Protein backbone atom coordinates (compact mmCIF):
# COMPACT_ATOMS: atom_id res chain seq x y z
CA MET A 1 0.00 0.00 0.00
CA LYS A 2 2.87 2.36 0.87
CA GLU A 3 4.46 1.94 -2.56
CA GLY A 4 1.08 2.43 -4.18
CA LEU A 5 0.60 5.74 -2.38
CA TYR A 6 4.05 6.90 -3.44
CA SER A 7 3.22 6.02 -7.04
CA SER A 8 -0.05 7.94 -6.89
CA ALA A 9 1.72 10.86 -5.25
CA ALA A 10 4.26 10.99 -8.07
CA MET A 11 1.40 11.23 -10.56
CA LEU A 12 -0.08 14.12 -8.61
CA GLU A 13 3.23 15.98 -8.68
CA SER A 14 2.88 16.41 -12.43
CA PHE A 15 -0.23 18.51 -11.73
CA TRP A 16 0.85 20.45 -8.64
CA THR A 17 4.60 20.58 -8.26
CA GLU A 18 4.80 23.67 -6.06
CA ARG A 19 1.32 24.06 -4.61
CA LYS A 20 0.76 23.53 -0.92
CA CYS A 21 -1.90 21.49 0.81
CA LEU A 22 -3.98 22.94 3.63
CA VAL A 23 -4.63 21.06 6.85
CA GLU A 24 -7.41 21.92 9.29
CA ASN A 25 -9.20 20.33 12.22
CA LEU A 26 -12.35 18.39 11.36
CA GLN A 27 -14.93 21.15 10.88
CA PRO A 28 -17.73 21.79 8.34
CA TYR A 29 -16.38 22.82 4.94
CA THR A 30 -17.88 24.69 2.02
CA TYR A 31 -14.95 24.48 -0.39
CA TRP A 32 -15.98 23.64 -3.95
CA ASP A 33 -12.56 23.57 -5.56
CA PHE A 34 -10.82 21.28 -3.11
CA PHE A 35 -11.13 17.63 -2.36
CA ILE A 36 -10.58 15.55 0.75
CA VAL A 37 -8.22 12.61 0.99
CA GLN A 38 -9.64 10.57 3.83
CA THR A 39 -7.20 8.68 6.09
CA ILE A 40 -4.22 10.39 4.40
CA TYR A 41 -3.31 13.51 6.35
CA ALA A 42 -0.47 16.01 6.65
CA LYS A 43 0.36 19.66 7.39
CA HIS A 44 1.47 22.50 5.10
CA MET A 45 3.59 20.80 2.45
CA PRO A 46 3.50 19.80 -1.24
CA GLU A 47 0.78 17.33 -2.15
CA ALA A 48 3.25 14.50 -2.76
CA GLN A 49 4.53 14.86 0.80
CA CYS A 50 0.97 15.22 2.04
CA LEU A 51 0.19 11.73 0.80
CA ARG A 52 3.27 10.29 2.50
CA ALA A 53 2.73 11.89 5.90
CA PRO A 54 1.86 9.89 9.05
CA VAL A 55 -1.81 9.30 9.72
CA ASP A 56 -3.45 11.86 12.01
CA LEU A 57 -7.16 11.20 12.44
CA SER A 58 -7.79 14.64 13.96
CA VAL A 59 -7.15 16.56 10.74
CA ILE A 60 -7.96 16.39 7.06
CA CYS A 61 -5.85 17.30 4.08
CA LEU A 62 -7.20 19.76 1.51
CA PHE A 63 -5.51 20.67 -1.76
CA PRO A 64 -6.51 21.72 -5.27
CA THR A 65 -8.69 19.27 -7.14
CA PRO A 66 -7.62 17.57 -10.38
CA PRO A 67 -9.01 19.55 -13.34
CA VAL A 68 -11.20 16.64 -14.43
CA LEU A 69 -13.49 17.01 -11.39
CA ALA A 70 -14.14 20.69 -12.00
CA ASP A 71 -14.50 20.07 -15.74
CA ASN A 72 -17.07 17.35 -15.09
CA LEU A 73 -19.12 19.74 -12.97
CA LYS A 74 -18.97 22.46 -15.61
CA SER A 75 -20.05 20.04 -18.33
CA ASN A 76 -22.75 18.45 -16.17
CA PRO A 77 -24.04 20.99 -13.61
CA GLY A 78 -26.55 18.44 -12.34
CA ILE A 79 -23.81 16.29 -10.79
CA LYS A 80 -24.14 16.47 -7.02
CA TRP A 81 -21.10 14.50 -5.89
CA GLN A 82 -18.02 13.04 -7.51
CA TYR A 83 -15.95 10.32 -5.85
CA PHE A 84 -12.62 8.80 -6.77
CA SER A 85 -11.36 5.52 -5.30
CA SER A 86 -8.07 3.73 -5.79
CA GLU A 87 -6.91 0.27 -4.78
CA GLU A 88 -4.06 1.92 -2.84
CA GLY A 89 -6.63 3.35 -0.42
CA ILE A 90 -6.87 6.94 -1.69
CA PHE A 91 -10.45 8.20 -1.58
CA THR A 92 -11.44 11.67 -2.79
CA VAL A 93 -14.71 13.58 -2.62
CA PHE A 94 -15.77 16.57 -4.70
CA PRO A 95 -16.97 19.01 -3.48
CA ALA A 96 -15.24 18.85 -0.11
CA HIS A 97 -17.51 18.65 2.91
CA LYS A 98 -17.70 17.35 6.44
CA PHE A 99 -18.18 13.59 6.59
CA ARG A 100 -21.47 12.73 8.24
CA CYS A 101 -20.84 9.00 8.53
CA LYS A 102 -20.08 7.57 11.94
CA GLY A 103 -16.81 5.79 12.58
CA SER A 104 -14.37 4.80 9.85
CA TYR A 105 -15.31 4.70 6.19
CA GLU A 106 -13.64 2.04 4.03
CA HIS A 107 -14.63 2.84 0.45
CA ARG A 108 -13.04 -0.37 -0.82
CA SER A 109 -15.64 -2.51 0.98
CA ARG A 110 -18.62 -0.74 -0.61
CA PRO A 111 -20.73 -2.86 -2.99
CA ILE A 112 -20.21 -0.57 -5.98
CA TYR A 113 -16.43 -0.71 -5.57
CA VAL A 114 -16.41 -4.49 -5.04
CA SER A 115 -18.61 -5.10 -8.09
CA THR A 116 -16.29 -2.93 -10.17
CA VAL A 117 -12.99 -4.59 -9.28
CA ARG A 118 -14.58 -8.07 -9.20
CA PRO A 119 -17.48 -7.79 -11.69
CA GLN A 120 -18.12 -11.53 -11.87
CA SER A 121 -20.97 -12.98 -9.83
CA LYS A 122 -19.93 -14.37 -6.44
CA HIS A 123 -21.61 -17.30 -4.68
CA ILE A 124 -20.80 -16.91 -1.00
CA VAL A 125 -21.58 -19.01 2.06
CA VAL A 126 -20.61 -17.56 5.44
CA ILE A 127 -20.39 -19.98 8.39
CA LEU A 128 -20.34 -18.68 11.98
CA ASP A 129 -18.96 -20.96 14.69
CA HIS A 130 -21.03 -20.49 17.87
CA GLY A 131 -20.16 -23.65 19.76
CA ALA A 132 -19.11 -23.99 23.39
CA SER A 133 -15.47 -23.11 22.65
CA VAL A 134 -16.39 -19.67 21.29
CA THR A 135 -16.43 -16.87 23.87
CA ASP A 136 -18.88 -13.98 23.79
CA THR A 137 -16.11 -11.69 22.55
CA GLN A 138 -15.17 -14.05 19.75
CA LEU A 139 -18.79 -14.49 18.73
CA GLN A 140 -19.29 -10.74 18.57
CA ILE A 141 -16.26 -10.41 16.29
CA ALA A 142 -17.71 -13.14 14.06
CA LYS A 143 -21.13 -11.46 13.95
CA ASP A 144 -19.60 -8.07 13.13
CA ALA A 145 -17.46 -9.65 10.41
CA ALA A 146 -20.51 -11.34 8.88
CA GLN A 147 -22.31 -8.00 8.78
CA VAL A 148 -19.34 -6.44 6.98
CA ILE A 149 -19.47 -9.18 4.34
CA LEU A 150 -23.19 -8.57 3.83
CA SER A 151 -22.61 -4.86 3.35
CA ALA A 152 -19.88 -5.45 0.72
CA ILE A 153 -21.94 -7.46 -1.80
CA ASP A 154 -24.80 -6.57 -4.12
CA GLU A 155 -27.74 -8.10 -5.99
CA HIS A 156 -25.46 -9.67 -8.61
CA ASP A 157 -24.05 -11.97 -5.93
CA LYS A 158 -25.70 -14.84 -4.07
CA ILE A 159 -25.35 -15.38 -0.34
CA SER A 160 -26.18 -17.71 2.53
CA MET A 161 -25.49 -17.36 6.24
CA LEU A 162 -25.03 -20.48 8.36
CA THR A 163 -24.29 -21.05 12.03
CA VAL A 164 -22.73 -24.24 13.32
CA ALA A 165 -22.40 -25.80 16.75
CA ASP A 166 -23.88 -29.25 17.44
CA THR A 167 -25.83 -28.83 14.22
CA VAL A 168 -26.02 -26.38 11.34
CA ARG A 169 -28.69 -23.69 11.15
CA THR A 170 -29.92 -21.47 8.33
CA CYS A 171 -31.88 -18.23 8.37
CA SER A 172 -35.51 -19.12 9.11
CA LEU A 173 -36.98 -15.88 7.72
CA ASP A 174 -37.37 -17.45 4.27
CA GLN A 175 -37.82 -21.14 3.48
CA CYS A 176 -35.69 -20.82 0.33
CA TYR A 177 -32.63 -20.10 2.47
CA LYS A 178 -32.64 -23.73 3.64
CA THR A 179 -32.00 -25.05 0.15
CA PHE A 180 -30.47 -22.37 -2.07
CA LEU A 181 -28.25 -19.34 -2.03
CA SER A 182 -30.23 -16.15 -2.45
CA PRO A 183 -29.47 -13.04 -4.55
CA ALA A 184 -28.01 -10.43 -2.20
CA THR A 185 -30.84 -7.92 -2.56
CA SER A 186 -31.48 -5.34 0.14
CA GLU A 187 -34.33 -7.49 1.47
CA THR A 188 -32.18 -10.62 1.63
CA LYS A 189 -29.37 -8.75 3.34
CA ARG A 190 -31.81 -7.29 5.86
CA LYS A 191 -33.11 -10.76 6.75
CA MET A 192 -29.62 -12.26 6.89
CA SER A 193 -28.48 -9.38 9.09
CA THR A 194 -31.35 -10.01 11.50
CA PHE A 195 -30.45 -13.69 11.60
CA VAL A 196 -26.79 -12.97 12.35
CA SER A 197 -27.68 -10.49 15.09
CA SER A 198 -29.76 -13.13 16.86
CA VAL A 199 -27.00 -15.77 17.09
CA LYS A 200 -26.16 -16.88 20.64
CA SER A 201 -23.40 -19.12 21.97
CA LEU A 202 -24.34 -22.74 22.63
CA ASP A 203 -22.91 -25.21 25.13
CA SER A 204 -22.35 -27.97 22.59
CA PRO A 205 -19.05 -28.59 20.73
CA THR A 206 -18.68 -27.38 17.17
CA GLN A 207 -19.23 -29.94 14.42
CA HIS A 208 -17.06 -28.32 11.76
CA ALA A 209 -17.72 -31.03 9.17
CA VAL A 210 -21.49 -30.55 9.38
CA GLY A 211 -21.17 -26.85 8.63
CA PHE A 212 -19.02 -27.38 5.55
CA GLN A 213 -21.22 -30.16 4.24
CA LYS A 214 -24.26 -27.88 4.34
CA ALA A 215 -22.32 -25.03 2.74
CA PHE A 216 -21.26 -27.18 -0.21
CA GLN A 217 -24.76 -28.59 -0.59
CA LEU A 218 -26.21 -25.07 -0.84
CA ILE A 219 -23.71 -24.12 -3.53
CA ARG A 220 -24.31 -27.32 -5.48
CA SER A 221 -28.11 -27.10 -5.35
CA THR A 222 -27.95 -23.46 -6.45
CA ASN A 223 -25.72 -24.32 -9.41
CA ASN A 224 -28.02 -27.19 -10.43
CA SER A 225 -31.19 -25.09 -10.27
CA THR A 226 -29.98 -22.10 -12.28
CA LYS A 227 -27.97 -21.43 -15.41
CA PHE A 228 -24.46 -21.52 -14.05
CA GLN A 229 -21.90 -19.14 -15.54
CA ALA A 230 -18.36 -20.42 -15.88
CA ASN A 231 -16.74 -17.29 -14.42
CA THR A 232 -18.79 -17.36 -11.21
CA ASP A 233 -16.57 -17.36 -8.13
CA MET A 234 -17.62 -19.68 -5.30
CA VAL A 235 -16.28 -19.12 -1.80
CA ILE A 236 -16.97 -20.38 1.71
CA ILE A 237 -16.01 -17.99 4.51
CA TYR A 238 -15.53 -19.64 7.90
CA LEU A 239 -15.48 -17.51 11.06
CA SER A 240 -14.28 -19.84 13.80
CA ALA A 241 -12.03 -20.34 16.80
CA GLY A 242 -10.85 -23.57 15.17
CA ILE A 243 -11.22 -25.63 18.35
CA THR A 244 -12.07 -29.31 18.02
CA SER A 245 -13.15 -31.96 20.52
CA LYS A 246 -10.53 -32.76 23.17
CA ASP A 247 -11.26 -36.48 22.99
CA SER A 248 -11.27 -36.81 19.22
CA SER A 249 -9.45 -33.77 17.89
CA GLU A 250 -7.57 -35.46 15.04
CA GLU A 251 -10.63 -37.45 14.03
CA ASP A 252 -12.70 -34.26 13.88
CA LYS A 253 -10.09 -32.55 11.72
CA LYS A 254 -9.82 -35.51 9.38
CA ALA A 255 -13.61 -35.76 9.07
CA THR A 256 -13.84 -32.06 8.20
CA LEU A 257 -11.13 -32.26 5.53
CA ARG A 258 -12.74 -35.41 4.13
CA VAL A 259 -16.08 -33.62 3.74
CA ILE A 260 -14.38 -30.68 2.03
CA SER A 261 -12.47 -32.97 -0.34
CA GLU A 262 -15.51 -35.04 -1.26
CA GLU A 263 -17.97 -32.17 -1.64
CA ASN A 264 -15.58 -29.94 -3.57
CA SER A 265 -14.81 -32.76 -5.99
CA PHE A 266 -18.47 -32.67 -7.08
CA LEU A 267 -17.84 -29.04 -8.05
CA ASN A 268 -14.53 -29.72 -9.82
CA ASN A 269 -12.59 -28.27 -6.88
CA SER A 270 -13.80 -24.81 -7.86
CA VAL A 271 -14.78 -23.61 -4.36
CA MET A 272 -12.33 -21.44 -2.42
CA ILE A 273 -12.30 -21.45 1.39
CA LEU A 274 -11.34 -18.40 3.46
CA THR A 275 -10.96 -18.85 7.21
CA TYR A 276 -10.84 -16.16 9.88
CA ALA A 277 -9.43 -17.22 13.24
CA LEU A 278 -11.24 -15.64 16.18
CA MET A 279 -8.75 -14.74 18.89
CA ASN A 280 -9.59 -15.36 22.54
CA ASP A 281 -8.40 -12.42 24.67
CA GLY A 282 -5.41 -11.96 22.40
CA VAL A 283 -4.48 -15.65 22.38
CA THR A 284 -5.08 -18.25 19.70
CA GLY A 285 -3.62 -21.75 19.95
CA LEU A 286 -1.10 -22.80 17.33
CA LYS A 287 -3.00 -26.04 16.71
CA GLU A 288 -6.20 -24.12 16.04
CA LEU A 289 -4.43 -21.76 13.64
CA ALA A 290 -2.86 -24.70 11.82
CA PHE A 291 -6.25 -26.38 11.48
CA LEU A 292 -7.90 -23.25 10.07
CA ARG A 293 -4.99 -22.80 7.66
CA ASP A 294 -5.36 -26.40 6.52
CA LEU A 295 -9.06 -25.77 5.89
CA ALA A 296 -8.30 -22.69 3.81
CA GLU A 297 -5.59 -24.43 1.81
CA GLN A 298 -7.62 -27.68 1.67
CA ASN A 299 -4.66 -29.74 2.83
CA SER A 300 -6.61 -33.00 2.93
CA GLY A 301 -3.53 -35.09 2.18
CA LYS A 302 -2.01 -34.00 5.49
CA TYR A 303 -4.76 -35.95 7.26
CA GLY A 304 -4.56 -39.01 5.05
CA VAL A 305 -7.56 -38.07 2.91
CA LEU A 306 -7.08 -39.09 -0.71
CA ASP A 307 -8.01 -36.65 -3.48
CA ARG A 308 -11.11 -37.74 -5.40
CA THR A 309 -10.14 -35.78 -8.50
CA ALA A 310 -6.94 -34.85 -10.29
CA LEU A 311 -8.02 -31.22 -10.53
CA PRO A 312 -6.08 -28.82 -8.29
CA VAL A 313 -7.86 -27.04 -5.46
CA ILE A 314 -8.12 -23.25 -5.28
CA LYS A 315 -6.17 -22.38 -2.16
CA GLY A 316 -7.65 -19.72 0.09
CA SER A 317 -6.12 -17.92 3.05
CA MET A 318 -6.36 -17.75 6.83
CA MET A 319 -6.43 -14.47 8.75
CA VAL A 320 -6.52 -13.78 12.49
CA LEU A 321 -9.20 -11.44 13.88
CA ASN A 322 -9.32 -9.80 17.29
CA GLN A 323 -11.05 -6.86 18.97
CA LEU A 324 -8.59 -4.42 17.41
CA SER A 325 -9.02 -5.68 13.86
CA ASN A 326 -10.47 -3.23 11.36
CA LEU A 327 -13.05 -5.58 9.89
CA GLU A 328 -13.82 -3.37 6.90
CA THR A 329 -10.22 -3.41 5.70
CA THR A 330 -9.72 -7.12 6.45
CA VAL A 331 -12.89 -9.16 6.12
CA GLY A 332 -14.54 -6.45 4.01
CA ARG A 333 -11.89 -6.96 1.35
CA PHE A 334 -12.25 -10.73 1.15
CA TYR A 335 -12.79 -10.34 -2.61
CA THR A 336 -9.09 -9.59 -3.14
CA ASN A 337 -8.51 -13.35 -2.82
CA LEU A 338 -10.67 -13.96 -5.89
CA PRO A 339 -9.40 -13.88 -9.50
CA ASN A 340 -9.07 -10.42 -10.99
CA ARG A 341 -11.35 -10.19 -14.03
CA MET A 342 -11.80 -6.43 -14.28
CA ILE A 343 -13.41 -5.10 -17.45
CA ASP A 344 -13.38 -1.59 -18.89
CA GLU A 345 -17.12 -1.04 -18.56
CA ALA A 346 -19.32 1.14 -16.39
CA VAL A 347 -20.95 -0.50 -13.39
CA PHE A 348 -24.23 0.92 -12.09
CA SER A 349 -25.64 0.48 -8.62
CA LEU A 350 -29.23 0.61 -7.48
CA PRO A 351 -30.29 3.90 -5.82
CA PHE A 352 -29.31 4.12 -2.16
CA SER A 353 -29.01 6.69 0.59
CA ASP A 354 -25.46 8.03 0.66
CA GLU A 355 -23.73 8.20 4.04
CA MET A 356 -21.97 11.42 3.03
CA GLY A 357 -24.61 13.35 1.12
CA ASP A 358 -28.32 14.05 1.44
CA GLY A 359 -31.05 11.96 -0.13
CA GLU A 360 -30.84 9.08 -2.55
CA PHE A 361 -28.87 8.97 -5.76
CA ARG A 362 -27.61 6.53 -8.34
CA GLU A 363 -23.90 5.89 -8.34
CA ASN A 364 -21.75 4.40 -11.07
CA PHE A 365 -18.10 3.52 -11.36
CA LEU A 366 -16.15 3.56 -14.60
CA LEU A 367 -13.09 1.38 -14.41
CA LYS A 368 -9.88 3.11 -15.42
CA GLU A 369 -6.31 2.02 -15.89
CA GLY A 370 -4.54 1.00 -12.71
CA GLY A 371 -7.69 0.00 -10.86
CA LYS A 372 -8.81 3.58 -10.20
CA LYS A 373 -12.45 4.57 -10.45
CA TRP A 374 -14.38 7.74 -11.10
CA THR A 375 -17.99 8.06 -10.02
């Protein structure tokens, strides 16, 4: 990210070699010929240095806007807001104004951004571990992470939320959720969000294999019931402490990897698994981390499980989460693990209420060279 910022800063220097940026405390602004770079702050200095300065969340950095933003407004006076996002994390708003959104704002985990950099449809199953080994703190992290995933996808994707302890559970607010993935419409996301919020810890041990078996069955039944597109990405996201039964730990692990190997073979090993290890008061056992990494990398051979197909698996990744984790910049960017199939076409979102502006509007991103977007 650091190198990316330096690269972007060098590009800016060609526009404003000698101009200075202006830094102020967070107050309401009425500037129309400046833009804000959120999370990148500095004090009086050239713009290139402004982008390289240490983060200071108490101030914002203002400097002259690129000509294209002002030109767009002149050509189209009806434009209310213009946004620019880059993969390096630079986010600009025109005209500059005080952010009304609460807390942090990660533009790279917004549905319109995600659907632009990964335009292919995504079939996603999220599994929350809420067995006896999961503490209240860990469960809250898992629930918050699941909500972030929901907020990052749109109606072109399909989603299911599962919880697993002694058995696997689906959202009961719609009978279809028991059998198929559902398009991630606002209504579906609202119901899934309600389901996630209601999850409580149980006293029974977690049956990891049961959760994965249901996840694969949902993906397979969805593929069989609809016209499946070859470039659809399929991913299972597992939020778990990774703890297995004390009496039969190795057997539980082997059973889970066997289910994954068998079920994924029916789908030509095309399903990726991403695991997020839930830390317990800052401590996560090495055995639990190793197990979750094996799940993500589908290391079935390590447990003596023979491959059912000669096709290679799509290896995922394991990441540790704790109370200090910024879920929007970690879990919210899960899509970066998926293949990059960006296309040079405009992507349009449905109307929605903007966190920064007033009222509803339609937003679109046009993909540009280098993964940068104009709205």
